[in-house]
């Protein structure tokens, strides 16, 4: 009978609940690896999504310039004339400026600021109106093209 009770005690021992140290370390290593792969892709996607802030601001300014030109001899040369109280885009990721405003056209520029300034591919984004009819969307150092495809929707 003593042998039977010893056998029952050996079988009745429950396995401890929880993770072992090696299981915990392996799972932490896997999570760190996934984070290292996902974080750069996430920040790149975030920068690309913020470009719509510049596009929106430049297109709003284009419409404001068209309204202004309808009642004046030339396009507005400053943001205040168009009713803008700040030189920042609506979400604040870009600094907006009007360059080379004349009777025939203008150049609107959006330069990234703060964390968006790391978006070197699209620095700056431009919207140009030439000869009151041609609109050129450009970015980067090229004044007539968009090599980084920053204006794609």
Protein backbone atom coordinates (compact mmCIF):
# COMPACT_ATOMS: atom_id res chain seq x y z
CA UNK A 1 0.00 0.00 0.00
CA UNK A 2 2.88 2.33 0.65
CA UNK A 3 4.07 1.78 -2.95
CA UNK A 4 0.64 2.69 -4.28
CA UNK A 5 0.53 6.00 -2.35
CA UNK A 6 4.02 6.94 -3.58
CA UNK A 7 2.94 6.24 -7.16
CA UNK A 8 -0.19 8.39 -6.77
CA UNK A 9 1.86 11.27 -5.36
CA UNK A 10 4.25 11.11 -8.32
CA UNK A 11 1.43 11.10 -10.86
CA UNK A 12 -0.73 13.71 -9.12
CA UNK A 13 1.92 16.44 -9.21
CA UNK A 14 0.60 19.23 -11.45
CA UNK A 15 2.91 20.93 -13.91
CA UNK A 16 3.72 24.52 -12.91
CA UNK A 17 1.88 27.17 -14.95
CA UNK A 18 3.64 29.96 -16.84
CA UNK A 19 6.52 30.37 -19.24
CA UNK A 20 10.03 29.19 -18.80
CA UNK A 21 12.86 31.69 -19.05
CA UNK A 22 13.97 30.37 -22.42
CA UNK A 23 10.44 30.62 -23.87
CA UNK A 24 10.19 34.20 -22.64
CA UNK A 25 13.57 35.17 -24.14
CA UNK A 26 12.72 33.61 -27.51
CA UNK A 27 9.38 35.43 -27.67
CA UNK A 28 11.05 38.75 -26.74
CA UNK A 29 13.68 38.24 -29.44
CA UNK A 30 10.96 37.60 -32.03
CA UNK A 31 9.04 40.72 -31.01
CA UNK A 32 12.23 42.81 -31.21
CA UNK A 33 12.96 41.45 -34.69
CA UNK A 34 9.43 42.27 -35.88
CA UNK A 35 9.67 45.78 -34.43
CA UNK A 36 13.04 46.37 -36.11
CA UNK A 37 11.56 45.43 -39.48
CA UNK A 38 8.21 47.23 -39.06
CA UNK A 39 9.34 50.57 -37.58
CA UNK A 40 11.25 51.94 -40.61
CA UNK A 41 8.40 50.95 -42.93
CA UNK A 42 5.93 52.67 -40.62
CA UNK A 43 7.88 55.94 -40.47
CA UNK A 44 8.30 55.96 -44.26
CA UNK A 45 4.56 55.45 -44.70
CA UNK A 46 3.87 58.22 -42.21
CA UNK A 47 6.09 60.68 -44.13
CA UNK A 48 4.35 59.79 -47.39
CA UNK A 49 0.93 60.29 -45.81
CA UNK A 50 1.95 63.73 -44.50
CA UNK A 51 2.74 64.87 -48.04
CA UNK A 52 -1.00 65.28 -48.58
CA UNK A 53 -0.80 68.15 -46.08
CA UNK A 54 1.50 70.03 -48.47
CA UNK A 55 -0.57 69.09 -51.51
CA UNK A 56 -3.74 70.30 -49.84
CA UNK A 57 -2.18 73.60 -48.77
CA UNK A 58 -0.73 74.30 -52.21
CA UNK A 59 -4.01 73.49 -53.95
CA UNK A 60 -5.93 75.73 -51.52
CA UNK A 61 -3.48 78.53 -52.30
CA UNK A 62 -3.92 77.91 -56.01
CA UNK A 63 -7.67 78.46 -55.65
CA UNK A 64 -7.11 81.55 -53.51
CA UNK A 65 -4.70 82.93 -56.13
CA UNK A 66 -7.34 82.39 -58.85
CA UNK A 67 -9.92 84.31 -56.79
CA UNK A 68 -7.39 87.09 -56.09
CA UNK A 69 -6.37 87.38 -59.77
CA UNK A 70 -9.99 87.78 -60.77
CA UNK A 71 -10.12 91.19 -59.11
CA UNK A 72 -6.47 92.36 -59.29
CA UNK A 73 -3.86 93.06 -61.95
CA UNK A 74 -1.44 90.39 -60.75
CA UNK A 75 -1.27 87.41 -58.43
CA UNK A 76 -0.78 87.95 -54.68
CA UNK A 77 2.82 87.96 -53.51
CA UNK A 78 2.16 87.18 -49.84
CA UNK A 79 -0.01 84.80 -47.86
CA UNK A 80 -1.71 87.54 -45.83
CA UNK A 81 -3.28 89.00 -48.98
CA UNK A 82 -4.95 85.62 -49.58
CA UNK A 83 -6.32 85.44 -46.04
CA UNK A 84 -3.74 83.08 -44.55
CA UNK A 85 -2.82 84.02 -41.00
CA UNK A 86 0.07 81.57 -40.78
CA UNK A 87 2.83 80.34 -43.04
CA UNK A 88 2.19 76.72 -42.06
CA UNK A 89 0.12 74.08 -43.83
CA UNK A 90 -3.19 73.06 -42.19
CA UNK A 91 -1.61 70.20 -40.19
CA UNK A 92 1.61 72.14 -39.60
CA UNK A 93 4.03 69.76 -41.31
CA UNK A 94 5.09 72.25 -44.02
CA UNK A 95 6.05 75.90 -44.25
CA UNK A 96 4.27 77.57 -47.17
CA UNK A 97 5.65 80.43 -49.27
CA UNK A 98 4.74 82.33 -52.44
CA UNK A 99 7.68 82.90 -54.79
CA UNK A 100 7.85 84.88 -58.03
CA UNK A 101 4.27 86.14 -58.18
CA UNK A 102 3.50 88.18 -61.30
CA UNK A 103 0.58 88.86 -63.62
CA UNK A 104 1.34 85.70 -65.62
CA UNK A 105 1.99 83.19 -62.84
CA UNK A 106 3.51 82.26 -59.52
CA UNK A 107 5.43 79.57 -57.68
CA UNK A 108 4.04 78.13 -54.44
CA UNK A 109 6.49 76.23 -52.25
CA UNK A 110 5.95 73.84 -49.33
CA UNK A 111 9.09 73.06 -47.30
CA UNK A 112 8.87 70.30 -44.66
CA UNK A 113 9.50 71.23 -41.03
CA UNK A 114 9.99 69.39 -37.73
CA UNK A 115 9.90 65.58 -38.10
CA UNK A 116 8.74 65.83 -41.71
CA UNK A 117 12.06 67.53 -42.58
CA UNK A 118 13.58 64.04 -42.83
CA UNK A 119 11.57 63.55 -46.02
CA UNK A 120 14.49 64.60 -48.23
CA UNK A 121 13.00 63.07 -51.39
CA UNK A 122 10.26 65.70 -51.58
CA UNK A 123 12.00 68.71 -50.18
CA UNK A 124 10.46 71.13 -51.21
CA UNK A 125 7.19 70.50 -53.02
CA UNK A 126 6.13 73.13 -55.56
CA UNK A 127 3.08 74.15 -57.54
CA UNK A 128 3.80 76.53 -60.43
CA UNK A 129 1.41 78.41 -62.66
CA UNK A 130 3.05 79.54 -65.88
CA UNK A 131 1.52 81.89 -68.43
CA UNK A 132 -1.86 81.73 -66.65
CA UNK A 133 -2.56 78.26 -68.05
CA UNK A 134 0.15 75.67 -67.35
CA UNK A 135 0.34 74.06 -63.92
CA UNK A 136 3.58 72.26 -63.05
CA UNK A 137 3.75 70.04 -59.99
CA UNK A 138 7.36 69.47 -58.96
CA UNK A 139 9.46 68.38 -56.01
CA UNK A 140 13.06 68.19 -54.92
CA UNK A 141 15.78 70.02 -56.81
CA UNK A 142 14.06 69.66 -60.21
CA UNK A 143 11.85 72.68 -60.92
CA UNK A 144 9.96 71.07 -63.78
CA UNK A 145 9.42 67.45 -62.74
CA UNK A 146 8.52 65.20 -59.84
CA UNK A 147 11.26 62.52 -59.82
CA UNK A 148 10.31 61.27 -56.35
CA UNK A 149 6.66 60.91 -57.36
CA UNK A 150 5.68 63.08 -54.41
CA UNK A 151 2.49 64.36 -56.05
CA UNK A 152 0.99 60.96 -56.83
CA UNK A 153 -2.32 60.32 -55.17
